[in-house]
Structures are given as C-alpha cells and as structure tokens.
Amino acid sequence: MPNRPYEDVRVEGHLIDSGIMSHVMDTIVGFDGEFESLSFEVGRTNDDVSVSELRVKGRDQAHLEEILGAIQPYGVVPINPDDAVLVPAPAGGVFPDGFYATTNLETSVRIAGRWVRVENPEMDLGVRIDIATGAADTVPMADVREGDQMVVGHAGIRVQPVERPRDKQAFEFMNSAVSSEKPKAQVVADVARMLREVRAAGREVIAVVGPAVVHTGAGEHLTRLVEMGYVSVLFGGNAVATHDIESALYGTSLGVSLAEGVPTFGGHEHHLRAINTIRGCGGIKPAVEQGVLKSGLMYTLVKTGTPYVLAGSIRDDGPLPDVITDAIEAQRAMRPYCRSAGACIMLSTMLHSIATGNMLPASVTTVCIDINPAVVTKLADRGSFQTIGIVTDVGLFMEQLANELETK
C-alpha cells in the first residue's frame, strides 16, 4: 500500500534477555501492522543496554496510533516525540474522552519538551498534570476534579518495562508464574530472604489475608510474623477478622473446633456472636482495651500498633465496626500503603488479592500463596503480571516461613 503512515520509534534496555524485542515485533504483527528495522545495537556486557530503532507502519493514521499504543508498555517511544496532549476534565469524577489509561509500570510524560516522572504508578487510572509546578501524578476516576489537566492519547508517554536482570535473580526457583512442583524448603527460604531484605531496606510489607488463614490454623503463624515485624499492614475483609476473633473467643472457625477439627454444638452461631460482642465493645481496639479480646491475629495487630484495612463486601454479616463498607473509601485507605510497599504477600484470598494487585506498582515483589492455581492466573490476567505464585497449603507454608524467619 503506497504512502502508508509510519512512525520511527526507539526502544532500549535488555531487549533480548527480557524478551522485549520479541514482544514488540509480535505485537506489531498481531495488530496487522508492519515494521522495518532501522538499526539494532546489542549491549556487549551485563550493564550495557541494547538499542533498537524501528519504522512502524499502519494502514492509516488511526491504525498506526493503535499499534503505537499497544507497543508503548514495552518502552517504545517515537524518535522525535511530541509533548503530551492535555485536556481539562469536564466534570468531577469524569475523565476527558480519549484519556490515557495507565499501566502499573514506571511512566514519564513529556511536558514543554521535558520528560517528567509520573508519581505513584498504578494501573487503570489517569495522568493528571499540575500546570503550575509541572508535576505529574496518577489519579483515580472517582477523585478527578473538574478542570484538572489530564493526559489524553498516547503522545508524549514513555513507559519503563520491568526487565529480567542478567545477574542472579531473586526467586530463581521459579521458571513459571505458578509453582507447584518445586522444593518447598527452597521456596520458603527464598521468601524469607526477600522479607528480610525488604525490611532491612526500610520498606513496608503488605499481608493480604483471607479467612482460610484462620480455618487452616495459619493464623498463629501469621501472628508470629507480625510480632517479628515482617508485616507492616494487613489487608483483609470482614471474614478473616471475624473468624480470627471467633477462634479467640470460642476456639472455633466457622463453628469447627480448631483443636479437634470437628463441628461444635451451636458453632454455626459463633461468628455472629463474635461480631455482636465486638460491636458491643465499639470495635476491635476497644475490645482489646476492655480485656474482651485477649489473643489472636487481630489482638496482636492492635497490641503491636500494626495497621489494618478491612474492606467489606455485600455478603458480610454484621459487619465488624472496623470494616469499611464503602468500596471507594476502602481503596483510598489501601492505596497509600500500596504506593510505599516493598513487598506484598497474598494468602488465600482471591478477591482481596486481585483488588490489591490492581493498586500495586509492578516494581513491588508480589507473592501469592494459595492451594488454587487459578488465583494466580486471575491475578496475571488482570494485569498483576509480576506476581509469583506458590501453590501449596497456606497453613503448612506459613508455619515453615515463620520457623525460617525465627531461626536466622
């Protein structure tokens, strides 16, 4: 086709080791586009980056823009970039048409000929520019204000992909996203080493916790991690807190005796009675202060001053007074911790794990421990590609992890 529109683009990094170049080429072809290699300089040492320049062609300008938007997350930028296009938000809670939807990767925007880092990378948000200062940050749709200057289109956007390092990798035991047939002792040791490194660097560790942690008896081992300082904040829902408190008050979880593993008479009421007791105290912290709640995970969080965010759902009983029932407010409570986290451990909870994954930058080391491999698959499908999945019983894993962290 004569006179096909084209754009000359550039991409640099560990293009071969990380598979970036293959992804770029496959994406162009997958979108029915064409490319021509203009130059390719391969790095000669572990520290050297490779640089490639391509001419990307589309059927028409709209098709070309579609291709360029698809390869942008791999770090592709035009050789002669334009500034980002800014359009004011038409109303509070509404992005302008054609707004740039963010990824969870490090991103920069070009403003007045200068590349500016976008603060707080997170997927599925917009990019807001402060005209007075030239600063750029991400903003959720619900929080945008009328008149905010928002980036639209893909011009003036530069994304930094996560690369596979050439040197020895953390989590070298993983060659696949989901691990089920790996030596568990080595897996535990690597997770423990990662937690030590994150804590030594002064970064926060998020624990995303589901009620299965209590049902399987892992609660006491997670409590040990809290006491050792390896949990900076806990994310969960009404269920995990309720069943932990139920176990402290009645020795059961969902009415099943944790000591004997059998249902108890009237046990189906225990979680409701536990909620009612805490509501009568005014919340979890008042229950600890009044001497009503004397043990368990939630007790330990209160006693150690470790923060927690409990986000509610439509199926919650009660709920506990501490549960945030407004989903947008729950996001706002979780987001600051996600932005400062160095690591996140997800323990047997699909919905809260996916929700947290949506708010985490791709640079955050994320480990998901679940007996169900579909949980990790869903995380990856929804954009949390950095997640390392460990398919195993959470109770056994947490006991071994706590033991490993205590011994060294």
Foldseek 3Di string as FASTA:
>chain_A
DPPFDKFKKKAKFQCVQQVLVVVLCVLLVVLVKDKDWPDWAPDDDLPDMIMTIMIITDNHPVSNLVSCVVSQQSFMATPDFDFFDWDWAQAQLGRDPQFDFFALFWKWFADPNDTATEAQRFGGFWWFADPVVRHIYTDHSNGGGTGTITTGGDTRMGTHHDGDRPDDDQPNQDPDQADEPTPLLVVLLSVLVLLVVCVVVVFAEEEEDELLCVVLVVQVLVLLCVVVPSHQEYEYAQQNVLQQQLCQQPCDGCQAHPVPRHHDVVRNCSSVVSLVVQVVLVALLSCLVVVNRDDTNSNSCNVSVRYYAHEYDPPAPPGRPRYDDDNVVSCVVLQVSQSRHQEYEYEADQPSVLSSLSRHRLNRQYEYEELDPVSSVVSVVSNNVNYRYYRDNRNVSSNSSSVSNVVD
